[in-house]
Amino acid sequence: MKLFVDANTLVSGLVFAGNERLLLEIARYGACDLITNRHVHRELVDVLARPDLGLSEVEQRRLIALLDRSVSTVEDPAVEEMRASRNRLRDEEDLPVLVGFETSDCDYLVTGDRELRNSTSKARTTRQAVKALLGEFE
């Protein structure tokens, strides 16, 4: 199964215990492929540098290296593709995520963002994705 993952899912998996970390572990064992794009990767790097997370530069680099071993990063969608989808989301900053998923050939979009989940029938919460990977999804 190929899953396109948003920044909120990746940050949570790298920094906190829970379903997001379990998803990263499942991917590390080869049970699924996690895909994201450069837009999401840049967002993740910015979030990890926020002072409220309290991560040193060394910790940030270590987490990014871990991410780079677990998640494949593809190019961002073309500007024309994002322009064509401009009116689909209130937050246009999320267009690279939605269009990136739609052009990625992934099975599902995994995100904690409700608006993104409501924008496509193939979006799942991390919990739903983990259940699907473990064969419990109904």
N, C-alpha and C. Protein backbone atom coordinates (compact mmCIF):
# COMPACT_ATOMS: atom_id res chain seq x y z
N MET A 1 0.84 -1.17 0.00
CA MET A 1 0.00 0.00 0.00
C MET A 1 0.89 1.24 0.00
N LYS A 2 0.53 2.21 -0.83
CA LYS A 2 1.27 3.48 -0.90
C LYS A 2 0.42 4.57 -0.26
N LEU A 3 1.01 5.28 0.69
CA LEU A 3 0.31 6.32 1.43
C LEU A 3 1.03 7.65 1.27
N PHE A 4 0.28 8.68 0.87
CA PHE A 4 0.82 10.03 0.80
C PHE A 4 0.58 10.67 2.17
N VAL A 5 1.64 11.14 2.81
CA VAL A 5 1.51 11.65 4.18
C VAL A 5 1.75 13.15 4.24
N ASP A 6 0.93 13.80 5.05
CA ASP A 6 0.99 15.24 5.26
C ASP A 6 1.98 15.56 6.38
N ALA A 7 2.35 16.82 6.48
CA ALA A 7 3.35 17.25 7.47
C ALA A 7 2.89 16.98 8.90
N ASN A 8 1.60 17.21 9.20
CA ASN A 8 1.14 17.02 10.58
C ASN A 8 1.32 15.57 11.02
N THR A 9 1.10 14.64 10.12
CA THR A 9 1.28 13.22 10.42
C THR A 9 2.76 12.92 10.66
N LEU A 10 3.61 13.44 9.81
CA LEU A 10 5.04 13.17 9.93
C LEU A 10 5.64 13.79 11.19
N VAL A 11 5.29 15.02 11.48
CA VAL A 11 5.81 15.67 12.69
C VAL A 11 5.38 14.88 13.92
N SER A 12 4.11 14.53 13.99
CA SER A 12 3.63 13.76 15.14
C SER A 12 4.35 12.43 15.26
N GLY A 13 4.60 11.76 14.14
CA GLY A 13 5.29 10.48 14.17
C GLY A 13 6.73 10.59 14.62
N LEU A 14 7.37 11.69 14.29
CA LEU A 14 8.77 11.88 14.66
C LEU A 14 8.94 12.34 16.11
N VAL A 15 7.97 13.11 16.61
CA VAL A 15 8.14 13.77 17.90
C VAL A 15 7.36 13.12 19.04
N PHE A 16 6.22 12.51 18.73
CA PHE A 16 5.34 11.99 19.78
C PHE A 16 5.07 10.49 19.59
N ALA A 17 4.71 9.82 20.66
CA ALA A 17 4.27 8.43 20.58
C ALA A 17 2.82 8.42 20.12
N GLY A 18 2.41 7.34 19.46
CA GLY A 18 1.02 7.22 19.02
C GLY A 18 0.92 6.57 17.66
N ASN A 19 -0.25 6.69 17.05
CA ASN A 19 -0.50 6.06 15.75
C ASN A 19 0.46 6.55 14.67
N GLU A 20 0.83 7.82 14.71
CA GLU A 20 1.72 8.37 13.69
C GLU A 20 3.10 7.72 13.77
N ARG A 21 3.60 7.54 14.98
CA ARG A 21 4.89 6.86 15.13
C ARG A 21 4.78 5.41 14.69
N LEU A 22 3.65 4.76 15.02
CA LEU A 22 3.42 3.38 14.59
C LEU A 22 3.42 3.29 13.06
N LEU A 23 2.82 4.27 12.39
CA LEU A 23 2.81 4.29 10.93
C LEU A 23 4.24 4.36 10.38
N LEU A 24 5.07 5.21 10.96
CA LEU A 24 6.47 5.30 10.52
C LEU A 24 7.20 3.98 10.75
N GLU A 25 6.93 3.33 11.87
CA GLU A 25 7.56 2.03 12.15
C GLU A 25 7.12 0.97 11.14
N ILE A 26 5.84 0.94 10.84
CA ILE A 26 5.31 -0.01 9.86
C ILE A 26 6.00 0.20 8.51
N ALA A 27 6.18 1.45 8.14
CA ALA A 27 6.86 1.76 6.87
C ALA A 27 8.32 1.33 6.91
N ARG A 28 8.98 1.54 8.04
CA ARG A 28 10.39 1.16 8.17
C ARG A 28 10.57 -0.34 8.00
N TYR A 29 9.56 -1.10 8.40
CA TYR A 29 9.62 -2.56 8.24
C TYR A 29 9.18 -3.02 6.86
N GLY A 30 8.83 -2.07 5.99
CA GLY A 30 8.51 -2.39 4.61
C GLY A 30 7.09 -2.83 4.34
N ALA A 31 6.19 -2.65 5.29
CA ALA A 31 4.80 -3.08 5.10
C ALA A 31 3.98 -2.09 4.27
N CYS A 32 4.53 -0.90 4.05
CA CYS A 32 3.87 0.09 3.20
C CYS A 32 4.93 1.07 2.70
N ASP A 33 4.56 1.86 1.71
CA ASP A 33 5.42 2.92 1.22
C ASP A 33 4.82 4.25 1.62
N LEU A 34 5.61 5.08 2.27
CA LEU A 34 5.16 6.43 2.62
C LEU A 34 5.79 7.40 1.63
N ILE A 35 4.94 8.26 1.07
CA ILE A 35 5.35 9.22 0.04
C ILE A 35 4.93 10.61 0.51
N THR A 36 5.74 11.58 0.22
CA THR A 36 5.37 12.98 0.43
C THR A 36 6.03 13.79 -0.66
N ASN A 37 5.83 15.10 -0.65
CA ASN A 37 6.49 15.93 -1.67
C ASN A 37 7.36 16.98 -1.00
N ARG A 38 8.08 17.71 -1.81
CA ARG A 38 9.03 18.71 -1.28
C ARG A 38 8.33 19.78 -0.44
N HIS A 39 7.14 20.17 -0.84
CA HIS A 39 6.38 21.17 -0.07
C HIS A 39 6.18 20.68 1.37
N VAL A 40 5.72 19.45 1.52
CA VAL A 40 5.49 18.88 2.85
C VAL A 40 6.82 18.75 3.60
N HIS A 41 7.86 18.32 2.92
CA HIS A 41 9.17 18.17 3.56
C HIS A 41 9.67 19.51 4.10
N ARG A 42 9.52 20.58 3.30
CA ARG A 42 9.94 21.91 3.76
C ARG A 42 9.12 22.34 4.98
N GLU A 43 7.81 22.08 4.94
CA GLU A 43 6.95 22.42 6.07
C GLU A 43 7.38 21.67 7.33
N LEU A 44 7.70 20.41 7.18
CA LEU A 44 8.15 19.61 8.31
C LEU A 44 9.44 20.19 8.91
N VAL A 45 10.38 20.54 8.07
CA VAL A 45 11.65 21.13 8.54
C VAL A 45 11.36 22.42 9.32
N ASP A 46 10.45 23.25 8.81
CA ASP A 46 10.09 24.50 9.49
C ASP A 46 9.45 24.23 10.85
N VAL A 47 8.55 23.26 10.91
CA VAL A 47 7.86 22.96 12.17
C VAL A 47 8.84 22.41 13.20
N LEU A 48 9.75 21.52 12.79
CA LEU A 48 10.71 20.97 13.74
C LEU A 48 11.62 22.05 14.34
N ALA A 49 11.80 23.15 13.63
CA ALA A 49 12.66 24.23 14.11
C ALA A 49 11.94 25.19 15.06
N ARG A 50 10.65 25.01 15.24
CA ARG A 50 9.91 25.92 16.13
C ARG A 50 10.38 25.76 17.57
N PRO A 51 10.57 26.89 18.25
CA PRO A 51 11.07 26.85 19.63
C PRO A 51 10.17 26.08 20.59
N ASP A 52 8.85 26.07 20.35
CA ASP A 52 7.95 25.40 21.28
C ASP A 52 8.16 23.88 21.31
N LEU A 53 8.78 23.31 20.29
CA LEU A 53 9.09 21.88 20.32
C LEU A 53 10.35 21.60 21.13
N GLY A 54 11.19 22.60 21.27
CA GLY A 54 12.37 22.47 22.11
C GLY A 54 13.43 21.51 21.58
N LEU A 55 13.49 21.34 20.28
CA LEU A 55 14.47 20.43 19.68
C LEU A 55 15.76 21.18 19.34
N SER A 56 16.89 20.60 19.70
CA SER A 56 18.17 21.20 19.32
C SER A 56 18.36 21.00 17.82
N GLU A 57 19.33 21.70 17.25
CA GLU A 57 19.64 21.53 15.83
C GLU A 57 20.08 20.10 15.53
N VAL A 58 20.82 19.50 16.45
CA VAL A 58 21.26 18.11 16.28
C VAL A 58 20.05 17.18 16.26
N GLU A 59 19.12 17.38 17.18
CA GLU A 59 17.91 16.55 17.21
C GLU A 59 17.08 16.74 15.93
N GLN A 60 16.98 17.98 15.47
CA GLN A 60 16.24 18.25 14.23
C GLN A 60 16.87 17.50 13.05
N ARG A 61 18.19 17.59 12.93
CA ARG A 61 18.88 16.90 11.83
C ARG A 61 18.71 15.38 11.92
N ARG A 62 18.75 14.85 13.14
CA ARG A 62 18.58 13.41 13.34
C ARG A 62 17.17 12.98 12.92
N LEU A 63 16.16 13.76 13.29
CA LEU A 63 14.78 13.42 12.92
C LEU A 63 14.56 13.53 11.41
N ILE A 64 15.15 14.53 10.79
CA ILE A 64 15.03 14.68 9.34
C ILE A 64 15.72 13.52 8.62
N ALA A 65 16.88 13.09 9.13
CA ALA A 65 17.57 11.94 8.54
C ALA A 65 16.73 10.67 8.69
N LEU A 66 16.10 10.50 9.83
CA LEU A 66 15.21 9.36 10.05
C LEU A 66 14.04 9.41 9.07
N LEU A 67 13.47 10.57 8.90
CA LEU A 67 12.37 10.75 7.95
C LEU A 67 12.82 10.41 6.53
N ASP A 68 13.99 10.88 6.16
CA ASP A 68 14.48 10.66 4.80
C ASP A 68 14.74 9.18 4.50
N ARG A 69 14.97 8.39 5.54
CA ARG A 69 15.15 6.94 5.35
C ARG A 69 13.81 6.20 5.30
N SER A 70 12.75 6.81 5.83
CA SER A 70 11.46 6.14 5.95
C SER A 70 10.43 6.60 4.93
N VAL A 71 10.61 7.79 4.39
CA VAL A 71 9.60 8.41 3.53
C VAL A 71 10.26 8.87 2.23
N SER A 72 9.65 8.51 1.11
CA SER A 72 10.14 8.98 -0.20
C SER A 72 9.57 10.36 -0.48
N THR A 73 10.43 11.26 -0.93
CA THR A 73 10.00 12.62 -1.25
C THR A 73 10.03 12.81 -2.75
N VAL A 74 8.88 13.20 -3.31
CA VAL A 74 8.76 13.43 -4.75
C VAL A 74 8.65 14.92 -5.01
N GLU A 75 8.75 15.29 -6.27
CA GLU A 75 8.64 16.69 -6.66
C GLU A 75 7.23 17.22 -6.37
N ASP A 76 7.13 18.52 -6.20
CA ASP A 76 5.82 19.17 -6.03
C ASP A 76 5.03 19.11 -7.33
N PRO A 77 3.70 19.18 -7.23
CA PRO A 77 2.91 19.22 -8.47
C PRO A 77 3.18 20.50 -9.24
N ALA A 78 2.89 20.46 -10.51
CA ALA A 78 3.09 21.63 -11.37
C ALA A 78 2.19 22.77 -10.93
N VAL A 79 2.67 23.98 -11.10
CA VAL A 79 1.91 25.18 -10.73
C VAL A 79 0.56 25.21 -11.43
N GLU A 80 0.54 24.79 -12.70
CA GLU A 80 -0.72 24.80 -13.47
C GLU A 80 -1.75 23.86 -12.84
N GLU A 81 -1.29 22.72 -12.34
CA GLU A 81 -2.21 21.77 -11.70
C GLU A 81 -2.78 22.36 -10.42
N MET A 82 -1.96 23.07 -9.68
CA MET A 82 -2.45 23.69 -8.44
C MET A 82 -3.40 24.85 -8.74
N ARG A 83 -3.09 25.62 -9.77
CA ARG A 83 -3.99 26.71 -10.15
C ARG A 83 -5.37 26.18 -10.52
N ALA A 84 -5.41 25.06 -11.22
CA ALA A 84 -6.68 24.47 -11.65
C ALA A 84 -7.50 24.00 -10.45
N SER A 85 -6.86 23.76 -9.32
CA SER A 85 -7.56 23.27 -8.12
C SER A 85 -7.74 24.36 -7.07
N ARG A 86 -7.43 25.57 -7.41
CA ARG A 86 -7.39 26.69 -6.47
C ARG A 86 -8.65 26.83 -5.61
N ASN A 87 -9.81 26.61 -6.15
CA ASN A 87 -11.05 26.84 -5.41
C ASN A 87 -11.53 25.62 -4.62
N ARG A 88 -10.74 24.58 -4.56
CA ARG A 88 -11.17 23.36 -3.86
C ARG A 88 -10.94 23.40 -2.35
N LEU A 89 -10.03 24.27 -1.90
CA LEU A 89 -9.71 24.37 -0.48
C LEU A 89 -9.72 25.81 -0.02
N ARG A 90 -10.17 26.01 1.23
CA ARG A 90 -10.10 27.36 1.80
C ARG A 90 -8.65 27.77 2.01
N ASP A 91 -7.84 26.86 2.54
CA ASP A 91 -6.43 27.13 2.80
C ASP A 91 -5.61 26.71 1.59
N GLU A 92 -5.26 27.67 0.74
CA GLU A 92 -4.53 27.36 -0.48
C GLU A 92 -3.12 26.84 -0.22
N GLU A 93 -2.62 27.01 1.01
CA GLU A 93 -1.32 26.44 1.38
C GLU A 93 -1.36 24.91 1.35
N ASP A 94 -2.56 24.34 1.42
CA ASP A 94 -2.70 22.88 1.39
C ASP A 94 -2.85 22.32 -0.02
N LEU A 95 -2.93 23.18 -1.02
CA LEU A 95 -3.07 22.70 -2.40
C LEU A 95 -1.93 21.77 -2.83
N PRO A 96 -0.67 22.06 -2.50
CA PRO A 96 0.38 21.13 -2.89
C PRO A 96 0.22 19.74 -2.27
N VAL A 97 -0.44 19.67 -1.13
CA VAL A 97 -0.68 18.37 -0.49
C VAL A 97 -1.77 17.63 -1.25
N LEU A 98 -2.90 18.28 -1.46
CA LEU A 98 -4.02 17.64 -2.15
C LEU A 98 -3.65 17.24 -3.58
N VAL A 99 -3.12 18.18 -4.34
CA VAL A 99 -2.77 17.90 -5.73
C VAL A 99 -1.58 16.93 -5.79
N GLY A 100 -0.67 17.06 -4.85
CA GLY A 100 0.44 16.12 -4.79
C GLY A 100 -0.05 14.70 -4.58
N PHE A 101 -1.01 14.53 -3.68
CA PHE A 101 -1.59 13.20 -3.49
C PHE A 101 -2.26 12.71 -4.77
N GLU A 102 -3.06 13.55 -5.38
CA GLU A 102 -3.83 13.14 -6.57
C GLU A 102 -2.93 12.79 -7.76
N THR A 103 -1.74 13.33 -7.80
CA THR A 103 -0.83 13.04 -8.91
C THR A 103 0.23 12.01 -8.53
N SER A 104 0.13 11.45 -7.33
CA SER A 104 1.20 10.57 -6.81
C SER A 104 1.00 9.09 -7.05
N ASP A 105 -0.17 8.68 -7.45
CA ASP A 105 -0.47 7.25 -7.61
C ASP A 105 -0.47 6.52 -6.27
N CYS A 106 -0.73 7.26 -5.19
CA CYS A 106 -0.84 6.63 -3.87
C CYS A 106 -2.27 6.15 -3.66
N ASP A 107 -2.40 5.19 -2.77
CA ASP A 107 -3.72 4.63 -2.48
C ASP A 107 -4.56 5.57 -1.60
N TYR A 108 -3.90 6.19 -0.62
CA TYR A 108 -4.62 7.06 0.31
C TYR A 108 -3.77 8.28 0.69
N LEU A 109 -4.46 9.34 1.08
CA LEU A 109 -3.85 10.52 1.68
C LEU A 109 -4.04 10.39 3.19
N VAL A 110 -2.97 10.43 3.95
CA VAL A 110 -3.04 10.33 5.41
C VAL A 110 -2.75 11.70 5.99
N THR A 111 -3.76 12.25 6.69
CA THR A 111 -3.64 13.60 7.22
C THR A 111 -4.53 13.78 8.43
N GLY A 112 -4.12 14.68 9.30
CA GLY A 112 -4.95 15.08 10.42
C GLY A 112 -5.80 16.30 10.09
N ASP A 113 -5.62 16.85 8.91
CA ASP A 113 -6.32 18.06 8.49
C ASP A 113 -7.72 17.70 7.98
N ARG A 114 -8.74 18.13 8.69
CA ARG A 114 -10.12 17.78 8.36
C ARG A 114 -10.53 18.28 6.97
N GLU A 115 -10.14 19.49 6.62
CA GLU A 115 -10.51 20.02 5.30
C GLU A 115 -9.91 19.16 4.18
N LEU A 116 -8.66 18.76 4.35
CA LEU A 116 -8.05 17.87 3.35
C LEU A 116 -8.77 16.52 3.29
N ARG A 117 -9.11 15.99 4.46
CA ARG A 117 -9.83 14.70 4.47
C ARG A 117 -11.19 14.82 3.79
N ASN A 118 -11.84 15.96 3.94
CA ASN A 118 -13.15 16.16 3.32
C ASN A 118 -13.05 16.44 1.83
N SER A 119 -11.86 16.71 1.32
CA SER A 119 -11.70 17.08 -0.09
C SER A 119 -11.54 15.88 -1.02
N THR A 120 -11.32 14.68 -0.45
CA THR A 120 -11.16 13.48 -1.27
C THR A 120 -11.65 12.26 -0.50
N SER A 121 -12.30 11.38 -1.20
CA SER A 121 -12.81 10.16 -0.56
C SER A 121 -11.67 9.19 -0.20
N LYS A 122 -10.49 9.46 -0.68
CA LYS A 122 -9.35 8.57 -0.41
C LYS A 122 -8.46 9.09 0.71
N ALA A 123 -8.96 9.99 1.52
CA ALA A 123 -8.21 10.49 2.66
C ALA A 123 -8.56 9.69 3.90
N ARG A 124 -7.56 9.48 4.74
CA ARG A 124 -7.73 8.71 5.97
C ARG A 124 -7.00 9.40 7.11
N THR A 125 -7.51 9.18 8.32
CA THR A 125 -6.75 9.56 9.50
C THR A 125 -5.62 8.55 9.65
N THR A 126 -4.66 8.86 10.48
CA THR A 126 -3.57 7.92 10.70
C THR A 126 -4.11 6.63 11.32
N ARG A 127 -5.03 6.77 12.24
CA ARG A 127 -5.62 5.58 12.87
C ARG A 127 -6.26 4.66 11.84
N GLN A 128 -7.02 5.23 10.91
CA GLN A 128 -7.64 4.43 9.86
C GLN A 128 -6.59 3.76 8.98
N ALA A 129 -5.53 4.48 8.66
CA ALA A 129 -4.47 3.92 7.82
C ALA A 129 -3.78 2.77 8.52
N VAL A 130 -3.48 2.93 9.80
CA VAL A 130 -2.83 1.86 10.56
C VAL A 130 -3.73 0.63 10.61
N LYS A 131 -5.00 0.84 10.85
CA LYS A 131 -5.94 -0.29 10.88
C LYS A 131 -5.98 -1.00 9.53
N ALA A 132 -5.98 -0.23 8.46
CA ALA A 132 -5.99 -0.84 7.12
C ALA A 132 -4.72 -1.65 6.90
N LEU A 133 -3.60 -1.14 7.33
CA LEU A 133 -2.33 -1.85 7.16
C LEU A 133 -2.27 -3.12 8.00
N LEU A 134 -2.92 -3.09 9.12
CA LEU A 134 -2.93 -4.25 10.00
C LEU A 134 -4.08 -5.20 9.68
N GLY A 135 -4.86 -4.90 8.63
CA GLY A 135 -5.92 -5.78 8.19
C GLY A 135 -7.20 -5.70 8.98
N GLU A 136 -7.38 -4.61 9.73
CA GLU A 136 -8.57 -4.48 10.57
C GLU A 136 -9.55 -3.43 10.06
N PHE A 137 -9.23 -2.80 8.95
CA PHE A 137 -10.08 -1.72 8.43
C PHE A 137 -11.36 -2.31 7.86
N GLU A 138 -12.51 -1.75 8.25
CA GLU A 138 -13.79 -2.26 7.74
C GLU A 138 -14.36 -1.32 6.72
